[in-house]
Amino acid sequence: MSTNGQCTFALFFGNRGMFPASLQATAREEVSATIEKLGHKTIMLDADATRNGAVETPQEGEVYARFLKENEGKFDGVILSLPNFGDENGAVAALQDADVPILIQAYPDELDKMAPETRRDAFCGKFSIMDVFCQNEMDFTALKPHTVHPNSARFADNIDYFGRMCRVVAGLRRMTLGAIGARTTAFKTVRIDELALQRHGITMETMDLSEVISRVRSMDMASDAAKAKKDRLSSYTNWNGVPDQAFENIVRLGVVLDEIIDELKLDAFAIRCWIELQKELGISPCILLSEMNDRGESGACEVDIGSAVSMYALSRASGTVSTCLDWNNNYGEDDDKCILFHCGPVPQSLMREKGHISDHAILKNVVGAGCAYGCNEGRIASMPFTFGNMLTVDGELRFYLGEGQFSDDPVPDDFFGCAGVAEVDGLQDALQTIGYEGHRHHVAVTRGHVIEPVFEAFNKYLGYDVTPV
């Protein structure tokens, strides 16, 4: 299954006897070699399991279906390759219970090889496969161009797209999510329906913050885990002026959060970040979220479960880190720009330079100065980004998705936290849509433009309600 951007694909080769079956052996070599060269793994039915190592008849389709069943859980998607026209009936028998995304790829004909013994007609055969899959209500993916050779750059682009989509589908179909602490009473904006999540394969585990604080206080600072965490955090950001006790408590909390993630096998989490941690431990967890997000542990603040799910999905698609930000400020009178901000959970790899730890400039008005160290302040780097978020409505998961660019525009020096100027075409319309649909003030963000594979994964294969903005 997919790890670190790598996917495993089950390869299917379609055949139709009146077309040249001699093309099948070459296709098996070309498709598998190209995909593995692109950094993925493949599994194939043995070449002697069917005629020509391909599937034509429903009986051969059943052989392939048994092959998939025997390898269940070992592949993220199926690539249905058509070296010639292919047979739709065999394909349906083979793949109707595949339960993973299916990419249909058809070989192109060559204009100097159009005689009956060399002509492929996969251009036409692809329509037949798509037609009968639709009749059988089977989900599939077909990308441009309609026919594409495995040795081409456009095929590589298609595999990149398909891999991103498969990672999202595989990740969210069986996801374990952590809520660390109860939702803050004031933040009804982040309320979530656990049963709606479960209906879509997302299990939510919870842990009371009192248990976390108790474990922090009893943790052994002489342990190997504490020493490693201390070393990691010391070099991760700038701690000048931070009291030793605050740093030690942040180290303790970091170890405990790592333990909880391991114990509960969490794919993502959201934590209650105020004001108990400030009152009881004198710290804010922002820097820990930054560091955890930087190594791929998707974590949101303010117990925003919807943002945690969105961060995880976007990270699966981009193959890199994600973060949770606030839709926070207008940027002068520029309708297509705004300031996205949070106190400090932004991964260092998304920042212009190493951050610095501060006392929480807003919360210290409530808990007192010196009781909220942990904000990792800085500025977000210039980059393209994909954004989105989720809420639950009437038992369903509802997302929005969009794309933008973090610019080099300056944020005022006295602006607290970690912020960047985001530019989104049609931003005002996007904000209207987000607001009228009842989405929260947070937004999940990842590097790069990956909205298309995420949208298809959500809409087609996962059954979510998705609105592009």
Protein backbone atom coordinates (compact mmCIF):
# COMPACT_ATOMS: atom_id res chain seq x y z
CA MET A 1 0.00 0.00 0.00
CA SER A 2 1.01 3.64 -0.33
CA THR A 3 3.85 4.98 1.84
CA ASN A 4 5.74 8.24 1.41
CA GLY A 5 4.11 8.96 -1.94
CA GLN A 6 4.66 5.46 -3.31
CA CYS A 7 1.69 3.38 -4.45
CA THR A 8 1.22 -0.22 -5.48
CA PHE A 9 -0.90 -0.72 -8.60
CA ALA A 10 -2.49 -3.93 -9.81
CA LEU A 11 -2.03 -4.11 -13.60
CA PHE A 12 -4.83 -5.41 -15.82
CA PHE A 13 -4.42 -6.01 -19.55
CA GLY A 14 -7.48 -6.24 -21.76
CA ASN A 15 -7.59 -8.29 -24.96
CA ARG A 16 -10.00 -8.98 -27.82
CA GLY A 17 -9.15 -11.97 -30.01
CA MET A 18 -9.84 -10.40 -33.39
CA PHE A 19 -7.10 -7.83 -32.68
CA PRO A 20 -3.37 -8.59 -32.44
CA ALA A 21 -2.75 -10.46 -29.17
CA SER A 22 0.99 -10.26 -29.85
CA LEU A 23 0.90 -6.74 -28.38
CA GLN A 24 0.11 -8.03 -24.89
CA ALA A 25 3.58 -9.26 -23.91
CA THR A 26 5.19 -5.96 -24.87
CA ALA A 27 2.54 -4.02 -22.97
CA ARG A 28 3.14 -6.03 -19.80
CA GLU A 29 6.81 -5.13 -19.95
CA GLU A 30 6.32 -1.47 -20.92
CA VAL A 31 3.60 -0.56 -18.42
CA SER A 32 5.20 -2.29 -15.43
CA ALA A 33 8.69 -0.95 -16.19
CA THR A 34 7.47 2.63 -16.63
CA ILE A 35 5.39 2.65 -13.44
CA GLU A 36 8.23 1.22 -11.40
CA LYS A 37 10.60 3.78 -12.92
CA LEU A 38 8.19 6.46 -11.67
CA GLY A 39 8.69 5.20 -8.12
CA HIS A 40 5.68 2.96 -7.65
CA LYS A 41 5.25 -0.80 -7.33
CA THR A 42 3.15 -3.17 -9.43
CA ILE A 43 1.56 -6.58 -9.15
CA MET A 44 0.39 -8.59 -12.19
CA LEU A 45 -1.44 -11.79 -12.91
CA ASP A 46 1.04 -14.44 -14.02
CA ALA A 47 1.49 -14.38 -17.79
CA ASP A 48 0.45 -18.04 -18.09
CA ALA A 49 -2.66 -17.69 -15.90
CA THR A 50 -4.73 -16.69 -18.96
CA ARG A 51 -4.21 -16.62 -22.70
CA ASN A 52 -1.57 -14.03 -23.54
CA GLY A 53 -1.43 -12.91 -19.89
CA ALA A 54 -4.51 -10.74 -20.48
CA VAL A 55 -8.27 -10.83 -19.87
CA GLU A 56 -10.80 -11.27 -22.64
CA THR A 57 -13.64 -13.53 -21.53
CA PRO A 58 -15.75 -13.43 -18.35
CA GLN A 59 -14.07 -16.69 -17.35
CA GLU A 60 -10.65 -15.04 -17.59
CA GLY A 61 -12.14 -12.10 -15.71
CA GLU A 62 -13.03 -14.42 -12.85
CA VAL A 63 -9.43 -15.61 -12.77
CA TYR A 64 -8.30 -12.00 -12.43
CA ALA A 65 -10.93 -11.29 -9.77
CA ARG A 66 -9.55 -14.17 -7.69
CA PHE A 67 -6.07 -12.71 -8.15
CA LEU A 68 -7.27 -9.39 -6.72
CA LYS A 69 -9.01 -11.13 -3.83
CA GLU A 70 -5.83 -13.04 -2.96
CA ASN A 71 -3.94 -9.73 -2.91
CA GLU A 72 -6.60 -7.70 -1.12
CA GLY A 73 -5.07 -4.85 0.87
CA LYS A 74 -1.81 -4.98 -1.08
CA PHE A 75 -2.66 -2.48 -3.83
CA ASP A 76 -4.02 1.08 -3.97
CA GLY A 77 -5.54 1.07 -7.43
CA VAL A 78 -5.92 -0.85 -10.68
CA ILE A 79 -4.51 0.31 -14.01
CA LEU A 80 -6.60 -1.15 -16.80
CA SER A 81 -4.37 -1.13 -19.88
CA LEU A 82 -5.70 -1.69 -23.38
CA PRO A 83 -2.91 -2.76 -25.77
CA ASN A 84 -5.69 -3.49 -28.26
CA PHE A 85 -9.47 -2.99 -28.31
CA GLY A 86 -10.03 -5.06 -25.17
CA ASP A 87 -13.18 -6.84 -24.05
CA GLU A 88 -15.65 -5.07 -21.80
CA ASN A 89 -17.35 -8.21 -20.48
CA GLY A 90 -14.13 -9.72 -19.21
CA ALA A 91 -13.17 -6.39 -17.65
CA VAL A 92 -16.46 -6.13 -15.76
CA ALA A 93 -16.14 -9.68 -14.42
CA ALA A 94 -12.58 -8.94 -13.32
CA LEU A 95 -13.05 -5.56 -11.69
CA GLN A 96 -16.63 -5.15 -10.50
CA ASP A 97 -15.58 -5.93 -6.92
CA ALA A 98 -12.12 -4.31 -7.02
CA ASP A 99 -13.15 -1.62 -4.49
CA VAL A 100 -10.23 0.65 -5.41
CA PRO A 101 -9.85 3.40 -8.03
CA ILE A 102 -9.48 2.13 -11.61
CA LEU A 103 -7.52 4.05 -14.26
CA ILE A 104 -8.31 3.16 -17.89
CA GLN A 105 -5.33 3.60 -20.23
CA ALA A 106 -5.52 2.93 -23.97
CA TYR A 107 -2.52 2.53 -26.28
CA PRO A 108 -2.38 4.88 -29.29
CA ASP A 109 -2.28 3.58 -32.85
CA GLU A 110 0.62 4.53 -35.10
CA LEU A 111 -0.27 5.83 -38.53
CA ASP A 112 2.24 3.55 -40.26
CA LYS A 113 0.88 0.47 -38.46
CA MET A 114 -2.79 0.42 -39.40
CA ALA A 115 -2.96 -2.95 -41.18
CA PRO A 116 -5.19 -5.60 -39.50
CA GLU A 117 -2.23 -7.47 -38.01
CA THR A 118 -0.85 -4.33 -36.25
CA ARG A 119 -3.80 -1.99 -35.69
CA ARG A 120 -4.84 -1.64 -32.04
CA ASP A 121 -8.20 0.20 -32.07
CA ALA A 122 -7.81 0.80 -28.32
CA PHE A 123 -9.11 4.34 -28.98
CA CYS A 124 -12.51 2.81 -29.72
CA GLY A 125 -12.20 -0.01 -27.18
CA LYS A 126 -11.75 2.47 -24.34
CA PHE A 127 -15.23 3.84 -25.05
CA SER A 128 -16.70 0.34 -24.86
CA ILE A 129 -15.07 -0.29 -21.47
CA MET A 130 -16.26 3.09 -20.15
CA ASP A 131 -19.76 2.49 -21.54
CA VAL A 132 -20.26 -0.89 -19.89
CA PHE A 133 -18.64 0.24 -16.64
CA CYS A 134 -21.23 3.02 -16.55
CA GLN A 135 -24.00 0.50 -17.22
CA ASN A 136 -22.76 -1.52 -14.25
CA GLU A 137 -22.37 1.58 -12.06
CA MET A 138 -18.64 0.96 -11.69
CA ASP A 139 -16.51 3.99 -10.81
CA PHE A 140 -13.42 4.60 -12.93
CA THR A 141 -10.97 7.30 -13.95
CA ALA A 142 -10.17 8.27 -17.54
CA LEU A 143 -7.59 10.99 -18.12
CA LYS A 144 -6.43 13.04 -21.11
CA PRO A 145 -5.29 12.31 -23.74
CA HIS A 146 -7.75 9.59 -24.71
CA THR A 147 -4.89 7.34 -25.84
CA VAL A 148 -1.39 7.55 -24.39
CA HIS A 149 1.74 5.44 -24.70
CA PRO A 150 3.37 4.27 -21.44
CA ASN A 151 6.70 5.68 -22.55
CA SER A 152 5.37 9.22 -22.89
CA ALA A 153 5.63 12.15 -20.50
CA ARG A 154 1.85 12.50 -20.50
CA PHE A 155 1.47 8.95 -19.21
CA ALA A 156 3.85 9.85 -16.38
CA ASP A 157 1.63 12.84 -15.59
CA ASN A 158 -1.42 10.57 -15.52
CA ILE A 159 0.27 8.16 -13.12
CA ASP A 160 1.27 11.07 -10.90
CA TYR A 161 -2.38 12.22 -10.80
CA PHE A 162 -3.73 8.72 -10.24
CA GLY A 163 -1.23 8.02 -7.47
CA ARG A 164 -2.19 11.19 -5.61
CA MET A 165 -5.85 10.31 -5.88
CA CYS A 166 -5.30 6.71 -4.75
CA ARG A 167 -3.38 7.88 -1.69
CA VAL A 168 -6.30 10.07 -0.66
CA VAL A 169 -8.83 7.28 -1.17
CA ALA A 170 -6.75 4.67 0.66
CA GLY A 171 -6.00 7.03 3.52
CA LEU A 172 -9.53 8.22 4.21
CA ARG A 173 -11.41 4.97 3.69
CA ARG A 174 -9.81 3.61 6.85
CA MET A 175 -8.72 6.53 8.98
CA THR A 176 -8.26 6.86 12.74
CA LEU A 177 -8.61 10.36 14.11
CA GLY A 178 -7.80 11.65 17.58
CA ALA A 179 -9.60 14.31 19.59
CA ILE A 180 -7.25 15.25 22.43
CA GLY A 181 -9.37 17.19 24.88
CA ALA A 182 -12.98 18.30 24.60
CA ARG A 183 -14.15 21.05 22.29
CA THR A 184 -13.89 24.46 23.91
CA THR A 185 -17.41 25.68 24.78
CA ALA A 186 -16.89 28.97 22.96
CA PHE A 187 -15.97 27.20 19.70
CA LYS A 188 -19.24 25.74 18.48
CA THR A 189 -17.78 26.44 15.05
CA VAL A 190 -15.81 23.17 15.23
CA ARG A 191 -18.64 20.83 16.27
CA ILE A 192 -18.56 17.51 14.45
CA ASP A 193 -20.77 14.44 13.99
CA GLU A 194 -18.76 11.35 14.96
CA LEU A 195 -21.32 8.96 13.49
CA ALA A 196 -21.12 10.73 10.13
CA LEU A 197 -17.36 10.26 10.20
CA GLN A 198 -17.73 6.59 11.11
CA ARG A 199 -20.23 6.05 8.31
CA HIS A 200 -17.43 7.05 5.96
CA GLY A 201 -14.79 4.85 7.57
CA ILE A 202 -13.25 7.49 9.86
CA THR A 203 -13.00 6.33 13.47
CA MET A 204 -12.61 9.03 16.12
CA GLU A 205 -10.76 8.23 19.33
CA THR A 206 -10.87 10.65 22.27
CA MET A 207 -8.67 11.39 25.27
CA ASP A 208 -9.42 13.79 28.11
CA LEU A 209 -6.94 16.63 28.54
CA SER A 210 -6.65 15.84 32.26
CA GLU A 211 -5.08 12.50 31.32
CA VAL A 212 -2.61 14.30 29.06
CA ILE A 213 -1.63 16.80 31.75
CA SER A 214 -1.21 14.00 34.32
CA ARG A 215 1.11 12.12 31.97
CA VAL A 216 3.10 15.27 31.28
CA ARG A 217 3.69 15.84 34.98
CA SER A 218 4.76 12.27 35.67
CA MET A 219 7.04 11.91 32.65
CA ASP A 220 10.72 11.09 33.23
CA MET A 221 12.91 13.80 31.69
CA ALA A 222 15.87 11.40 31.85
CA SER A 223 14.20 8.99 29.41
CA ASP A 224 15.58 8.42 25.93
CA ALA A 225 12.35 9.79 24.43
CA ALA A 226 12.67 13.04 26.39
CA LYS A 227 16.33 13.45 25.44
CA ALA A 228 15.56 12.90 21.76
CA LYS A 229 12.63 15.32 21.88
CA LYS A 230 14.78 17.94 23.61
CA ASP A 231 17.44 17.65 20.91
CA ARG A 232 14.90 17.79 18.12
CA LEU A 233 13.08 20.85 19.43
CA SER A 234 16.28 22.70 20.37
CA SER A 235 17.45 22.67 16.76
CA TYR A 236 14.01 23.07 15.18
CA THR A 237 13.42 26.75 16.00
CA ASN A 238 14.80 29.72 17.96
CA TRP A 239 14.18 29.51 21.73
CA ASN A 240 15.94 32.72 22.82
CA GLY A 241 14.27 34.17 25.92
CA VAL A 242 12.09 31.14 26.65
CA PRO A 243 12.17 30.10 30.34
CA ASP A 244 13.73 26.70 31.05
CA GLN A 245 10.57 25.42 32.74
CA ALA A 246 8.41 26.32 29.74
CA PHE A 247 10.83 24.54 27.39
CA GLU A 248 10.87 21.46 29.63
CA ASN A 249 7.07 21.31 29.77
CA ILE A 250 6.88 21.62 25.98
CA VAL A 251 9.34 18.73 25.68
CA ARG A 252 7.24 16.67 28.10
CA LEU A 253 4.02 17.39 26.21
CA GLY A 254 5.73 16.54 22.91
CA VAL A 255 6.74 13.11 24.18
CA VAL A 256 3.23 12.45 25.53
CA LEU A 257 1.59 13.44 22.23
CA ASP A 258 3.92 11.11 20.34
CA GLU A 259 2.98 8.31 22.74
CA ILE A 260 -0.74 8.95 22.28
CA ILE A 261 -0.43 8.91 18.49
CA ASP A 262 1.40 5.59 18.69
CA GLU A 263 -0.95 4.05 21.25
CA LEU A 264 -4.14 4.98 19.42
CA LYS A 265 -2.63 4.50 15.93
CA LEU A 266 -3.78 7.96 14.88
CA ASP A 267 -3.54 9.15 11.29
CA ALA A 268 -4.36 12.72 12.34
CA PHE A 269 -5.49 14.55 15.45
CA ALA A 270 -6.77 17.81 16.88
CA ILE A 271 -5.95 19.12 20.35
CA ARG A 272 -7.63 21.45 22.84
CA CYS A 273 -4.93 24.10 22.91
CA TRP A 274 -6.29 26.65 25.40
CA ILE A 275 -6.57 27.64 28.15
CA GLU A 276 -5.95 24.60 30.40
CA LEU A 277 -2.45 23.96 29.02
CA GLN A 278 -1.57 27.57 29.75
CA LYS A 279 -3.06 27.51 33.27
CA GLU A 280 -1.70 24.11 34.29
CA LEU A 281 1.61 23.89 32.41
CA GLY A 282 2.36 27.49 31.43
CA ILE A 283 2.75 26.63 27.73
CA SER A 284 1.04 26.71 24.35
CA PRO A 285 1.34 23.65 22.06
CA CYS A 286 1.74 25.57 18.78
CA ILE A 287 5.41 24.68 18.33
CA LEU A 288 4.65 20.99 18.87
CA LEU A 289 1.99 21.09 16.17
CA SER A 290 4.48 22.83 13.88
CA GLU A 291 7.14 20.18 14.47
CA MET A 292 4.69 17.27 14.21
CA ASN A 293 3.16 18.65 11.03
CA ASP A 294 6.67 19.10 9.65
CA ARG A 295 7.28 15.35 9.92
CA GLY A 296 3.89 14.40 8.48
CA GLU A 297 1.82 13.94 11.66
CA SER A 298 -1.25 16.00 10.68
CA GLY A 299 -2.35 17.93 13.76
CA ALA A 300 -4.88 20.75 14.09
CA CYS A 301 -5.56 23.06 17.01
CA GLU A 302 -8.78 24.08 18.78
CA VAL A 303 -10.09 20.49 18.52
CA ASP A 304 -10.98 21.20 14.89
CA ILE A 305 -11.55 17.66 13.67
CA GLY A 306 -12.72 18.83 10.24
CA SER A 307 -9.41 20.60 9.68
CA ALA A 308 -7.46 17.53 10.82
CA VAL A 309 -9.27 15.36 8.26
CA SER A 310 -8.72 17.97 5.54
CA MET A 311 -5.04 18.35 6.42
CA TYR A 312 -4.53 14.60 6.22
CA ALA A 313 -6.28 14.35 2.85
CA LEU A 314 -4.37 17.27 1.34
CA SER A 315 -1.08 15.92 2.65
CA ARG A 316 -1.82 12.50 1.12
CA ALA A 317 -2.42 14.19 -2.24
CA SER A 318 0.54 16.56 -2.21
CA GLY A 319 3.01 14.07 -0.74
CA THR A 320 4.21 16.80 1.60
CA VAL A 321 3.17 18.58 4.79
CA SER A 322 0.01 20.51 5.62
CA THR A 323 -1.18 23.00 8.21
CA CYS A 324 -4.28 24.62 9.70
CA LEU A 325 -4.72 28.39 9.35
CA ASP A 326 -7.32 31.07 10.04
CA TRP A 327 -9.11 33.03 7.36
CA ASN A 328 -7.98 36.09 9.29
CA ASN A 329 -7.60 39.50 7.65
CA ASN A 330 -8.30 41.48 4.52
CA TYR A 331 -5.17 42.72 2.73
CA GLY A 332 -5.88 46.39 2.17
CA GLU A 333 -8.47 46.76 -0.57
CA ASP A 334 -7.20 43.93 -2.81
CA ASP A 335 -10.25 41.71 -3.32
CA ASP A 336 -8.17 38.67 -4.29
CA LYS A 337 -5.77 38.77 -1.32
CA CYS A 338 -6.10 38.08 2.38
CA ILE A 339 -3.90 37.18 5.34
CA LEU A 340 -3.92 33.56 6.45
CA PHE A 341 -2.55 33.12 9.96
CA HIS A 342 -2.25 31.00 13.05
CA CYS A 343 -0.37 31.25 16.33
CA GLY A 344 2.41 28.93 15.25
CA PRO A 345 1.46 25.41 14.05
CA VAL A 346 2.88 26.06 10.56
CA PRO A 347 5.61 23.54 9.66
CA GLN A 348 9.08 25.08 9.30
CA SER A 349 9.24 23.66 5.76
CA LEU A 350 6.37 25.98 4.80
CA MET A 351 8.01 29.04 6.38
CA ARG A 352 10.43 31.55 4.86
CA GLU A 353 12.98 30.95 7.60
CA LYS A 354 13.31 29.41 11.04
CA GLY A 355 10.74 30.75 13.47
CA HIS A 356 11.14 31.99 17.03
CA ILE A 357 9.21 31.03 20.15
CA SER A 358 7.14 33.66 21.94
CA ASP A 359 4.65 34.02 24.74
CA HIS A 360 1.12 33.91 23.32
CA ALA A 361 0.41 37.61 22.74
CA ILE A 362 -3.36 37.13 22.83
CA LEU A 363 -3.83 34.47 25.52
CA LYS A 364 -1.50 36.21 27.96
CA ASN A 365 -4.23 38.81 28.30
CA VAL A 366 -6.28 36.05 29.93
CA VAL A 367 -3.74 33.82 31.71
CA GLY A 368 -1.06 36.41 32.43
CA ALA A 369 2.35 37.10 30.93
CA GLY A 370 4.82 34.22 30.89
CA CYS A 371 2.15 31.50 31.03
CA ALA A 372 1.69 30.74 27.34
CA TYR A 373 5.11 30.21 25.73
CA GLY A 374 5.08 28.02 22.63
CA CYS A 375 4.00 30.11 19.63
CA ASN A 376 6.37 29.60 16.70
CA GLU A 377 6.31 32.99 15.01
CA GLY A 378 7.43 33.74 11.48
CA ARG A 379 6.14 34.16 7.94
CA ILE A 380 4.78 31.68 5.42
CA ALA A 381 6.92 31.12 2.32
CA SER A 382 5.85 32.10 -1.19
CA MET A 383 4.39 29.03 -2.91
CA PRO A 384 1.36 27.65 -4.74
CA PHE A 385 -1.08 25.95 -2.39
CA THR A 386 -4.28 23.93 -2.26
CA PHE A 387 -6.78 24.63 0.48
CA GLY A 388 -10.00 23.20 1.86
CA ASN A 389 -11.98 22.16 4.89
CA MET A 390 -14.79 19.89 6.05
CA LEU A 391 -17.94 19.91 8.13
CA THR A 392 -20.64 17.31 8.79
CA VAL A 393 -24.22 17.97 7.69
CA ASP A 394 -27.13 15.54 8.04
CA GLY A 395 -24.84 12.55 8.35
CA GLU A 396 -22.67 13.47 5.37
CA LEU A 397 -19.19 14.96 4.95
CA ARG A 398 -19.17 18.30 3.15
CA PHE A 399 -15.92 19.80 1.82
CA TYR A 400 -14.81 22.81 -0.15
CA LEU A 401 -11.56 22.91 -2.15
CA GLY A 402 -9.61 25.66 -3.85
CA GLU A 403 -6.16 26.75 -5.02
CA GLY A 404 -4.10 29.86 -4.53
CA GLN A 405 -0.65 31.34 -4.16
CA PHE A 406 1.18 32.66 -1.10
CA SER A 407 2.80 35.87 -2.33
CA ASP A 408 5.88 37.81 -1.27
CA ASP A 409 3.69 40.67 -0.09
CA PRO A 410 4.77 41.89 3.35
CA VAL A 411 2.87 41.25 6.55
CA PRO A 412 3.38 44.02 9.16
CA ASP A 413 6.31 43.36 11.49
CA ASP A 414 4.12 43.65 14.58
CA PHE A 415 1.63 41.06 13.27
CA PHE A 416 1.57 38.23 15.85
CA GLY A 417 2.06 34.54 14.96
CA CYS A 418 2.88 32.94 11.61
CA ALA A 419 1.15 34.55 8.64
CA GLY A 420 1.27 34.92 4.89
CA VAL A 421 -0.54 36.84 2.18
CA ALA A 422 -2.71 34.47 0.14
CA GLU A 423 -3.86 35.34 -3.36
CA VAL A 424 -6.89 33.46 -4.71
CA ASP A 425 -8.62 34.28 -7.99
CA GLY A 426 -12.21 35.18 -7.18
CA LEU A 427 -11.50 35.20 -3.45
CA GLN A 428 -14.60 37.19 -2.57
CA ASP A 429 -16.86 34.64 -4.28
CA ALA A 430 -14.99 31.83 -2.52
CA LEU A 431 -15.51 33.48 0.85
CA GLN A 432 -19.20 33.92 0.13
CA THR A 433 -19.53 30.22 -0.69
CA ILE A 434 -17.57 29.16 2.40
CA GLY A 435 -19.66 31.38 4.64
CA TYR A 436 -23.07 30.52 3.20
CA GLU A 437 -22.34 26.79 3.48
CA GLY A 438 -21.52 27.18 7.17
CA HIS A 439 -17.84 26.26 7.06
CA ARG A 440 -15.56 27.17 9.93
CA HIS A 441 -13.05 30.02 10.16
CA HIS A 442 -10.15 27.57 9.72
CA VAL A 443 -8.66 26.34 6.45
CA ALA A 444 -6.32 23.41 5.78
CA VAL A 445 -3.43 24.15 3.42
CA THR A 446 -0.75 22.12 1.61
CA ARG A 447 1.97 23.02 -0.87
CA GLY A 448 1.23 22.68 -4.60
CA HIS A 449 -1.86 22.61 -6.79
CA VAL A 450 -3.50 19.21 -6.30
CA ILE A 451 -7.19 20.07 -6.27
CA GLU A 452 -8.13 17.84 -9.21
CA PRO A 453 -7.07 14.44 -7.80
CA VAL A 454 -8.44 15.40 -4.36
CA PHE A 455 -11.78 16.44 -5.85
CA GLU A 456 -12.12 13.21 -7.82
CA ALA A 457 -11.14 11.09 -4.80
CA PHE A 458 -13.68 12.87 -2.59
CA ASN A 459 -16.52 13.10 -5.07
CA LYS A 460 -16.29 9.85 -7.01
CA TYR A 461 -14.65 7.24 -4.80
CA LEU A 462 -15.38 8.43 -1.26
CA GLY A 463 -18.88 9.80 -1.73
CA TYR A 464 -18.33 13.21 -0.14
CA ASP A 465 -20.17 16.40 -1.02
CA VAL A 466 -17.52 18.70 -2.52
CA THR A 467 -17.72 22.31 -3.68
CA PRO A 468 -14.87 23.87 -5.68
CA VAL A 469 -14.37 27.53 -4.72
